[in-house]
Amino acid sequence: MPYPDVLYIVKVSEKNEELKYSLRSLKNLKHCRIFISGYKPSWVKEDVIHLNPAQQKGQKYQNIKNNLLTAIKDSRLSDEFILMNDDFFIMHPVKRVPTLRRIKPIEHYIKFFSKLDGQSYYVKTMKATRDLLRSWGIKKIYSYELHVPFLYNKAKLLVLTDKLETDHYPHLRTIYGNYYNIAGQPIKDVKIINDTQDIPHESCYLSTIDESFASCRVGEYIRLSFPEKTILFTNTPRHSKS
């Protein structure tokens, strides 16, 4: 079975150091082609395929939705693909992206983040996601909102996006994971936001925010891990489309 393609949804910005090092980190992942939907900075190599960019004139999550739909409706993208964010980094060699989820049911995280800011967009949309899944008859709900690569099936994702009929897809991983009952290995999230957090050097994955990548120990660790200027591809043959 060929390795899947990798897809990035990228906002408009020529300066994107996280994306540069995220692309470099793909040397640690067995994959086929790399796609960007949205904005492709001029410095990204030609090997990275730029899908027809969707309009990015709406709100953040509307733009993400448009770029995602553009990608999954493009026949060039493999039937199963790995969705990456520009602030995801693959720190150690992996052959396949495993299915990962948060450790506890979603209600735990609703309560936890509600204590921090109960009126935040994140909490509101997490509650809406829980209520939506319950309305579909799903009772045991887990959160898949980890900052790690995620493997999607295009056909299944298209069915789900048609079913959602919404302007944006917050917590899409959670909806997909519970709707299709993909289970998964429970882990702690790997996002590092400041120097008070220990860097899990043994973890295959790391994620940052702009500030921690630019000025914290985790950003230095990532930059030192991927000093090379080229993206290393596997020798996996291109996917054929009938």
C-alpha atoms as a PDB file:
ATOM      1  CA  MET A   1       0.000   0.000   0.000  1.00  0.00           C
ATOM      2  CA  PRO A   2       1.492   3.398  -0.981  1.00  0.00           C
ATOM      3  CA  TYR A   3       2.108   5.998   1.647  1.00  0.00           C
ATOM      4  CA  PRO A   4      -0.445   8.829   1.823  1.00  0.00           C
ATOM      5  CA  ASP A   5       0.000  12.373   0.617  1.00  0.00           C
ATOM      6  CA  VAL A   6       0.464  15.235   3.069  1.00  0.00           C
ATOM      7  CA  LEU A   7      -1.779  18.306   3.017  1.00  0.00           C
ATOM      8  CA  TYR A   8      -1.193  21.706   4.596  1.00  0.00           C
ATOM      9  CA  ILE A   9      -3.867  24.415   4.855  1.00  0.00           C
ATOM     10  CA  VAL A  10      -1.869  27.652   4.831  1.00  0.00           C
ATOM     11  CA  LYS A  11      -2.858  31.234   5.568  1.00  0.00           C
ATOM     12  CA  VAL A  12      -1.619  34.206   3.539  1.00  0.00           C
ATOM     13  CA  SER A  13       1.884  35.107   4.719  1.00  0.00           C
ATOM     14  CA  GLU A  14       5.310  35.061   3.111  1.00  0.00           C
ATOM     15  CA  LYS A  15       6.981  34.927   6.524  1.00  0.00           C
ATOM     16  CA  ASN A  16       6.198  31.554   8.042  1.00  0.00           C
ATOM     17  CA  GLU A  17       9.180  30.021   9.835  1.00  0.00           C
ATOM     18  CA  GLU A  18       7.047  27.334  11.445  1.00  0.00           C
ATOM     19  CA  LEU A  19       5.944  26.080   8.029  1.00  0.00           C
ATOM     20  CA  LYS A  20       9.557  25.975   6.858  1.00  0.00           C
ATOM     21  CA  TYR A  21      10.624  23.710   9.716  1.00  0.00           C
ATOM     22  CA  SER A  22       7.424  21.678   9.614  1.00  0.00           C
ATOM     23  CA  LEU A  23       8.165  20.869   5.973  1.00  0.00           C
ATOM     24  CA  ARG A  24      11.718  19.936   6.876  1.00  0.00           C
ATOM     25  CA  SER A  25      10.430  17.639   9.615  1.00  0.00           C
ATOM     26  CA  LEU A  26       8.591  15.556   6.999  1.00  0.00           C
ATOM     27  CA  LYS A  27      11.888  13.766   6.425  1.00  0.00           C
ATOM     28  CA  ASN A  28      10.832  11.756   9.494  1.00  0.00           C
ATOM     29  CA  LEU A  29       7.545  10.622   7.942  1.00  0.00           C
ATOM     30  CA  LYS A  30       7.011   8.079   5.180  1.00  0.00           C
ATOM     31  CA  HIS A  31       4.795   9.908   2.699  1.00  0.00           C
ATOM     32  CA  CYS A  32       4.200  10.446  -0.986  1.00  0.00           C
ATOM     33  CA  ARG A  33       3.549  13.983  -2.248  1.00  0.00           C
ATOM     34  CA  ILE A  34       3.110  17.247  -0.367  1.00  0.00           C
ATOM     35  CA  PHE A  35       0.230  19.621  -1.112  1.00  0.00           C
ATOM     36  CA  ILE A  36      -0.553  23.143   0.039  1.00  0.00           C
ATOM     37  CA  SER A  37      -4.085  24.478  -0.225  1.00  0.00           C
ATOM     38  CA  GLY A  38      -4.423  28.183   0.332  1.00  0.00           C
ATOM     39  CA  TYR A  39      -1.291  30.320   0.174  1.00  0.00           C
ATOM     40  CA  LYS A  40       2.018  28.894  -0.970  1.00  0.00           C
ATOM     41  CA  PRO A  41       4.927  31.149   0.038  1.00  0.00           C
ATOM     42  CA  SER A  42       7.336  31.915  -2.798  1.00  0.00           C
ATOM     43  CA  TRP A  43      10.231  30.205  -1.022  1.00  0.00           C
ATOM     44  CA  VAL A  44       8.508  26.793  -0.859  1.00  0.00           C
ATOM     45  CA  LYS A  45      10.074  24.315  -3.298  1.00  0.00           C
ATOM     46  CA  GLU A  46       8.361  23.441  -6.558  1.00  0.00           C
ATOM     47  CA  ASP A  47       8.112  19.827  -5.385  1.00  0.00           C
ATOM     48  CA  VAL A  48       5.296  20.969  -3.108  1.00  0.00           C
ATOM     49  CA  ILE A  49       2.098  20.964  -5.159  1.00  0.00           C
ATOM     50  CA  HIS A  50      -0.036  24.086  -4.898  1.00  0.00           C
ATOM     51  CA  LEU A  51      -3.710  23.311  -5.317  1.00  0.00           C
ATOM     52  CA  ASN A  52      -5.924  25.964  -6.864  1.00  0.00           C
ATOM     53  CA  PRO A  53      -6.123  28.450  -4.009  1.00  0.00           C
ATOM     54  CA  ALA A  54      -9.560  29.093  -2.603  1.00  0.00           C
ATOM     55  CA  GLN A  55     -10.645  32.636  -1.892  1.00  0.00           C
ATOM     56  CA  GLN A  56      -9.373  33.807   1.512  1.00  0.00           C
ATOM     57  CA  LYS A  57     -11.604  36.814   2.068  1.00  0.00           C
ATOM     58  CA  GLY A  58     -13.731  35.410   4.877  1.00  0.00           C
ATOM     59  CA  GLN A  59     -13.115  34.761   8.549  1.00  0.00           C
ATOM     60  CA  LYS A  60     -10.311  32.419   9.610  1.00  0.00           C
ATOM     61  CA  TYR A  61     -12.412  29.256   9.905  1.00  0.00           C
ATOM     62  CA  GLN A  62     -14.335  30.000   6.707  1.00  0.00           C
ATOM     63  CA  ASN A  63     -11.020  30.230   4.853  1.00  0.00           C
ATOM     64  CA  ILE A  64      -9.894  26.939   6.374  1.00  0.00           C
ATOM     65  CA  LYS A  65     -13.132  25.305   5.275  1.00  0.00           C
ATOM     66  CA  ASN A  66     -12.834  26.628   1.719  1.00  0.00           C
ATOM     67  CA  ASN A  67      -9.220  25.507   1.399  1.00  0.00           C
ATOM     68  CA  LEU A  68      -9.993  22.081   2.845  1.00  0.00           C
ATOM     69  CA  LEU A  69     -12.907  21.530   0.468  1.00  0.00           C
ATOM     70  CA  THR A  70     -10.763  22.635  -2.461  1.00  0.00           C
ATOM     71  CA  ALA A  71      -8.193  20.013  -1.482  1.00  0.00           C
ATOM     72  CA  ILE A  72     -10.448  17.023  -0.860  1.00  0.00           C
ATOM     73  CA  LYS A  73     -12.321  17.599  -4.116  1.00  0.00           C
ATOM     74  CA  ASP A  74      -9.049  17.565  -6.079  1.00  0.00           C
ATOM     75  CA  SER A  75      -8.424  14.168  -7.676  1.00  0.00           C
ATOM     76  CA  ARG A  76      -4.658  14.548  -7.330  1.00  0.00           C
ATOM     77  CA  LEU A  77      -4.759  14.242  -3.546  1.00  0.00           C
ATOM     78  CA  SER A  78      -4.564  10.620  -2.360  1.00  0.00           C
ATOM     79  CA  ASP A  79      -7.721   8.906  -1.097  1.00  0.00           C
ATOM     80  CA  GLU A  80      -6.212   8.868   2.371  1.00  0.00           C
ATOM     81  CA  PHE A  81      -4.117  11.870   3.312  1.00  0.00           C
ATOM     82  CA  ILE A  82      -2.343  13.322   6.321  1.00  0.00           C
ATOM     83  CA  LEU A  83      -3.472  16.768   7.433  1.00  0.00           C
ATOM     84  CA  MET A  84      -0.639  18.844   8.879  1.00  0.00           C
ATOM     85  CA  ASN A  85      -0.613  22.305  10.404  1.00  0.00           C
ATOM     86  CA  ASP A  86       2.310  24.634   9.852  1.00  0.00           C
ATOM     87  CA  ASP A  87       3.124  24.430  13.571  1.00  0.00           C
ATOM     88  CA  PHE A  88       3.308  20.607  13.704  1.00  0.00           C
ATOM     89  CA  PHE A  89       6.755  19.012  13.779  1.00  0.00           C
ATOM     90  CA  ILE A  90       7.645  15.331  13.393  1.00  0.00           C
ATOM     91  CA  MET A  91      10.646  14.863  15.627  1.00  0.00           C
ATOM     92  CA  HIS A  92      11.440  11.164  15.166  1.00  0.00           C
ATOM     93  CA  PRO A  93      11.038   8.717  12.273  1.00  0.00           C
ATOM     94  CA  VAL A  94       7.546   7.219  11.858  1.00  0.00           C
ATOM     95  CA  LYS A  95       6.258   4.970   9.075  1.00  0.00           C
ATOM     96  CA  ARG A  96       2.552   5.554   9.611  1.00  0.00           C
ATOM     97  CA  VAL A  97       0.607   8.283  11.366  1.00  0.00           C
ATOM     98  CA  PRO A  98      -1.259   6.581  14.213  1.00  0.00           C
ATOM     99  CA  THR A  99      -4.754   7.513  15.333  1.00  0.00           C
ATOM    100  CA  LEU A 100      -4.401   9.614  18.483  1.00  0.00           C
ATOM    101  CA  ARG A 101      -6.958  11.210  20.787  1.00  0.00           C
ATOM    102  CA  ARG A 102      -7.074  13.033  24.117  1.00  0.00           C
ATOM    103  CA  ILE A 103      -6.980  10.884  27.224  1.00  0.00           C
ATOM    104  CA  LYS A 104     -10.388  11.647  28.730  1.00  0.00           C
ATOM    105  CA  PRO A 105     -13.917  12.111  27.332  1.00  0.00           C
ATOM    106  CA  ILE A 106     -14.780  15.512  25.910  1.00  0.00           C
ATOM    107  CA  GLU A 107     -16.765  16.574  28.983  1.00  0.00           C
ATOM    108  CA  HIS A 108     -13.546  16.675  31.006  1.00  0.00           C
ATOM    109  CA  TYR A 109     -12.015  19.233  28.633  1.00  0.00           C
ATOM    110  CA  ILE A 110     -15.176  21.299  28.471  1.00  0.00           C
ATOM    111  CA  LYS A 111     -15.035  21.652  32.259  1.00  0.00           C
ATOM    112  CA  PHE A 112     -11.288  22.280  32.284  1.00  0.00           C
ATOM    113  CA  PHE A 113     -11.282  25.016  29.632  1.00  0.00           C
ATOM    114  CA  SER A 114     -14.501  26.525  31.007  1.00  0.00           C
ATOM    115  CA  LYS A 115     -12.616  27.286  34.240  1.00  0.00           C
ATOM    116  CA  LEU A 116     -10.035  29.208  32.208  1.00  0.00           C
ATOM    117  CA  ASP A 117     -12.558  31.092  30.059  1.00  0.00           C
ATOM    118  CA  GLY A 118     -16.066  29.750  29.801  1.00  0.00           C
ATOM    119  CA  GLN A 119     -17.010  32.264  27.110  1.00  0.00           C
ATOM    120  CA  SER A 120     -14.130  31.512  24.770  1.00  0.00           C
ATOM    121  CA  TYR A 121     -14.763  30.481  21.178  1.00  0.00           C
ATOM    122  CA  TYR A 122     -12.953  27.218  21.870  1.00  0.00           C
ATOM    123  CA  VAL A 123     -15.265  26.271  24.736  1.00  0.00           C
ATOM    124  CA  LYS A 124     -18.419  27.339  22.911  1.00  0.00           C
ATOM    125  CA  THR A 125     -17.556  25.310  19.814  1.00  0.00           C
ATOM    126  CA  MET A 126     -16.503  22.310  21.898  1.00  0.00           C
ATOM    127  CA  LYS A 127     -19.896  22.340  23.597  1.00  0.00           C
ATOM    128  CA  ALA A 128     -21.617  22.699  20.220  1.00  0.00           C
ATOM    129  CA  THR A 129     -19.605  19.738  18.909  1.00  0.00           C
ATOM    130  CA  ARG A 130     -20.620  17.612  21.898  1.00  0.00           C
ATOM    131  CA  ASP A 131     -24.274  18.544  21.449  1.00  0.00           C
ATOM    132  CA  LEU A 132     -24.131  17.804  17.717  1.00  0.00           C
ATOM    133  CA  LEU A 133     -22.637  14.364  18.254  1.00  0.00           C
ATOM    134  CA  ARG A 134     -25.202  13.607  20.941  1.00  0.00           C
ATOM    135  CA  SER A 135     -27.977  14.582  18.519  1.00  0.00           C
ATOM    136  CA  TRP A 136     -26.581  11.931  16.164  1.00  0.00           C
ATOM    137  CA  GLY A 137     -26.950   9.327  18.900  1.00  0.00           C
ATOM    138  CA  ILE A 138     -23.284   9.199  19.896  1.00  0.00           C
ATOM    139  CA  LYS A 139     -23.018   9.003  23.673  1.00  0.00           C
ATOM    140  CA  LYS A 140     -19.362   8.303  24.476  1.00  0.00           C
ATOM    141  CA  ILE A 141     -17.516  11.256  22.944  1.00  0.00           C
ATOM    142  CA  TYR A 142     -13.761  11.775  22.901  1.00  0.00           C
ATOM    143  CA  SER A 143     -11.792  14.823  21.804  1.00  0.00           C
ATOM    144  CA  TYR A 144      -9.324  14.423  18.941  1.00  0.00           C
ATOM    145  CA  GLU A 145      -8.177  18.055  19.109  1.00  0.00           C
ATOM    146  CA  LEU A 146      -4.500  17.264  19.498  1.00  0.00           C
ATOM    147  CA  HIS A 147      -1.727  19.206  17.788  1.00  0.00           C
ATOM    148  CA  VAL A 148      -0.462  16.225  15.810  1.00  0.00           C
ATOM    149  CA  PRO A 149      -0.831  14.969  12.215  1.00  0.00           C
ATOM    150  CA  PHE A 150      -4.231  13.423  11.452  1.00  0.00           C
ATOM    151  CA  LEU A 151      -5.094  10.793   8.833  1.00  0.00           C
ATOM    152  CA  TYR A 152      -8.319  11.430   6.913  1.00  0.00           C
ATOM    153  CA  ASN A 153     -10.170   9.435   4.277  1.00  0.00           C
ATOM    154  CA  LYS A 154     -11.352  11.795   1.508  1.00  0.00           C
ATOM    155  CA  ALA A 155     -14.628  10.023   0.765  1.00  0.00           C
ATOM    156  CA  LYS A 156     -15.592   9.800   4.412  1.00  0.00           C
ATOM    157  CA  LEU A 157     -14.644  13.417   4.987  1.00  0.00           C
ATOM    158  CA  LEU A 158     -16.758  14.587   2.040  1.00  0.00           C
ATOM    159  CA  VAL A 159     -19.769  12.682   3.395  1.00  0.00           C
ATOM    160  CA  LEU A 160     -19.260  14.367   6.743  1.00  0.00           C
ATOM    161  CA  THR A 161     -18.781  17.895   5.400  1.00  0.00           C
ATOM    162  CA  ASP A 162     -21.984  17.523   3.360  1.00  0.00           C
ATOM    163  CA  LYS A 163     -23.784  16.380   6.480  1.00  0.00           C
ATOM    164  CA  LEU A 164     -22.520  19.329   8.526  1.00  0.00           C
ATOM    165  CA  GLU A 165     -23.781  22.099   6.212  1.00  0.00           C
ATOM    166  CA  THR A 166     -22.012  24.862   8.107  1.00  0.00           C
ATOM    167  CA  ASP A 167     -19.785  27.839   7.272  1.00  0.00           C
ATOM    168  CA  HIS A 168     -16.834  26.440   9.185  1.00  0.00           C
ATOM    169  CA  TYR A 169     -15.585  23.254  10.817  1.00  0.00           C
ATOM    170  CA  PRO A 170     -14.249  23.795  14.332  1.00  0.00           C
ATOM    171  CA  HIS A 171     -13.413  20.496  16.060  1.00  0.00           C
ATOM    172  CA  LEU A 172     -13.674  18.648  12.745  1.00  0.00           C
ATOM    173  CA  ARG A 173     -11.245  15.997  13.976  1.00  0.00           C
ATOM    174  CA  THR A 174     -13.495  15.289  16.938  1.00  0.00           C
ATOM    175  CA  ILE A 175     -16.597  15.078  14.764  1.00  0.00           C
ATOM    176  CA  TYR A 176     -14.818  12.786  12.284  1.00  0.00           C
ATOM    177  CA  GLY A 177     -13.258  10.590  14.974  1.00  0.00           C
ATOM    178  CA  ASN A 178     -16.499  10.003  16.856  1.00  0.00           C
ATOM    179  CA  TYR A 179     -18.786   9.771  13.826  1.00  0.00           C
ATOM    180  CA  TYR A 180     -16.624   7.047  12.290  1.00  0.00           C
ATOM    181  CA  ASN A 181     -15.640   5.555  15.663  1.00  0.00           C
ATOM    182  CA  ILE A 182     -11.936   5.473  14.805  1.00  0.00           C
ATOM    183  CA  ALA A 183     -10.926   4.951  18.463  1.00  0.00           C
ATOM    184  CA  GLY A 184      -7.222   5.761  18.828  1.00  0.00           C
ATOM    185  CA  GLN A 185      -4.404   5.840  21.334  1.00  0.00           C
ATOM    186  CA  PRO A 186      -4.919   8.327  24.187  1.00  0.00           C
ATOM    187  CA  ILE A 187      -2.054  10.800  24.698  1.00  0.00           C
ATOM    188  CA  LYS A 188      -1.367  14.176  26.278  1.00  0.00           C
ATOM    189  CA  ASP A 189      -1.233  17.096  23.898  1.00  0.00           C
ATOM    190  CA  VAL A 190       2.218  18.072  22.621  1.00  0.00           C
ATOM    191  CA  LYS A 191       1.806  21.832  22.185  1.00  0.00           C
ATOM    192  CA  ILE A 192       4.428  23.874  24.046  1.00  0.00           C
ATOM    193  CA  ILE A 193       3.453  27.483  24.718  1.00  0.00           C
ATOM    194  CA  ASN A 194       6.194  28.676  27.107  1.00  0.00           C
ATOM    195  CA  ASP A 195       9.360  27.678  28.959  1.00  0.00           C
ATOM    196  CA  THR A 196       7.495  26.501  32.048  1.00  0.00           C
ATOM    197  CA  GLN A 197       6.656  23.309  30.138  1.00  0.00           C
ATOM    198  CA  ASP A 198       9.150  20.504  29.780  1.00  0.00           C
ATOM    199  CA  ILE A 199      10.000  19.473  26.232  1.00  0.00           C
ATOM    200  CA  PRO A 200       9.015  15.811  25.731  1.00  0.00           C
ATOM    201  CA  HIS A 201      12.135  14.834  23.794  1.00  0.00           C
ATOM    202  CA  GLU A 202      10.899  11.273  23.417  1.00  0.00           C
ATOM    203  CA  SER A 203       7.698  12.380  21.655  1.00  0.00           C
ATOM    204  CA  CYS A 204       7.417  11.807  17.896  1.00  0.00           C
ATOM    205  CA  TYR A 205       5.480  15.065  17.607  1.00  0.00           C
ATOM    206  CA  LEU A 206       5.768  18.612  18.894  1.00  0.00           C
ATOM    207  CA  SER A 207       3.746  21.758  18.305  1.00  0.00           C
ATOM    208  CA  THR A 208       4.262  25.413  19.178  1.00  0.00           C
ATOM    209  CA  ILE A 209       2.641  28.815  19.091  1.00  0.00           C
ATOM    210  CA  ASP A 210       4.318  31.732  17.316  1.00  0.00           C
ATOM    211  CA  GLU A 211       5.861  33.061  20.526  1.00  0.00           C
ATOM    212  CA  SER A 212       7.235  29.757  21.778  1.00  0.00           C
ATOM    213  CA  PHE A 213       8.689  28.890  18.377  1.00  0.00           C
ATOM    214  CA  ALA A 214      10.384  32.279  18.098  1.00  0.00           C
ATOM    215  CA  SER A 215      11.781  32.736  21.585  1.00  0.00           C
ATOM    216  CA  CYS A 216      11.476  29.617  23.774  1.00  0.00           C
ATOM    217  CA  ARG A 217      13.662  26.547  24.235  1.00  0.00           C
ATOM    218  CA  VAL A 218      11.283  24.408  22.193  1.00  0.00           C
ATOM    219  CA  GLY A 219      11.779  26.610  19.115  1.00  0.00           C
ATOM    220  CA  GLU A 220      15.542  26.362  19.418  1.00  0.00           C
ATOM    221  CA  TYR A 221      15.282  22.585  19.822  1.00  0.00           C
ATOM    222  CA  ILE A 222      13.181  22.287  16.646  1.00  0.00           C
ATOM    223  CA  ARG A 223      15.456  24.551  14.593  1.00  0.00           C
ATOM    224  CA  LEU A 224      18.549  22.639  15.673  1.00  0.00           C
ATOM    225  CA  SER A 225      16.822  19.352  14.816  1.00  0.00           C
ATOM    226  CA  PHE A 226      16.212  20.368  11.183  1.00  0.00           C
ATOM    227  CA  PRO A 227      19.076  22.571   9.963  1.00  0.00           C
ATOM    228  CA  GLU A 228      19.054  21.262   6.388  1.00  0.00           C
ATOM    229  CA  LYS A 229      17.508  23.396   3.663  1.00  0.00           C
ATOM    230  CA  THR A 230      16.011  20.615   1.570  1.00  0.00           C
ATOM    231  CA  ILE A 231      12.871  18.548   1.998  1.00  0.00           C
ATOM    232  CA  LEU A 232      13.596  14.850   1.796  1.00  0.00           C
ATOM    233  CA  PHE A 233      11.015  12.797  -0.075  1.00  0.00           C
ATOM    234  CA  THR A 234      10.455   9.067  -0.016  1.00  0.00           C
ATOM    235  CA  ASN A 235      10.874   7.036  -3.176  1.00  0.00           C
ATOM    236  CA  THR A 236       7.229   6.076  -3.084  1.00  0.00           C
ATOM    237  CA  PRO A 237       5.770   6.165  -6.629  1.00  0.00           C
ATOM    238  CA  ARG A 238       3.122   8.722  -7.474  1.00  0.00           C
ATOM    239  CA  HIS A 239      -0.470   7.694  -6.913  1.00  0.00           C
ATOM    240  CA  SER A 240      -2.241   6.663 -10.092  1.00  0.00           C
ATOM    241  CA  LYS A 241      -5.755   7.899 -10.771  1.00  0.00           C
ATOM    242  CA  SER A 242      -8.088   5.886 -12.925  1.00  0.00           C
END
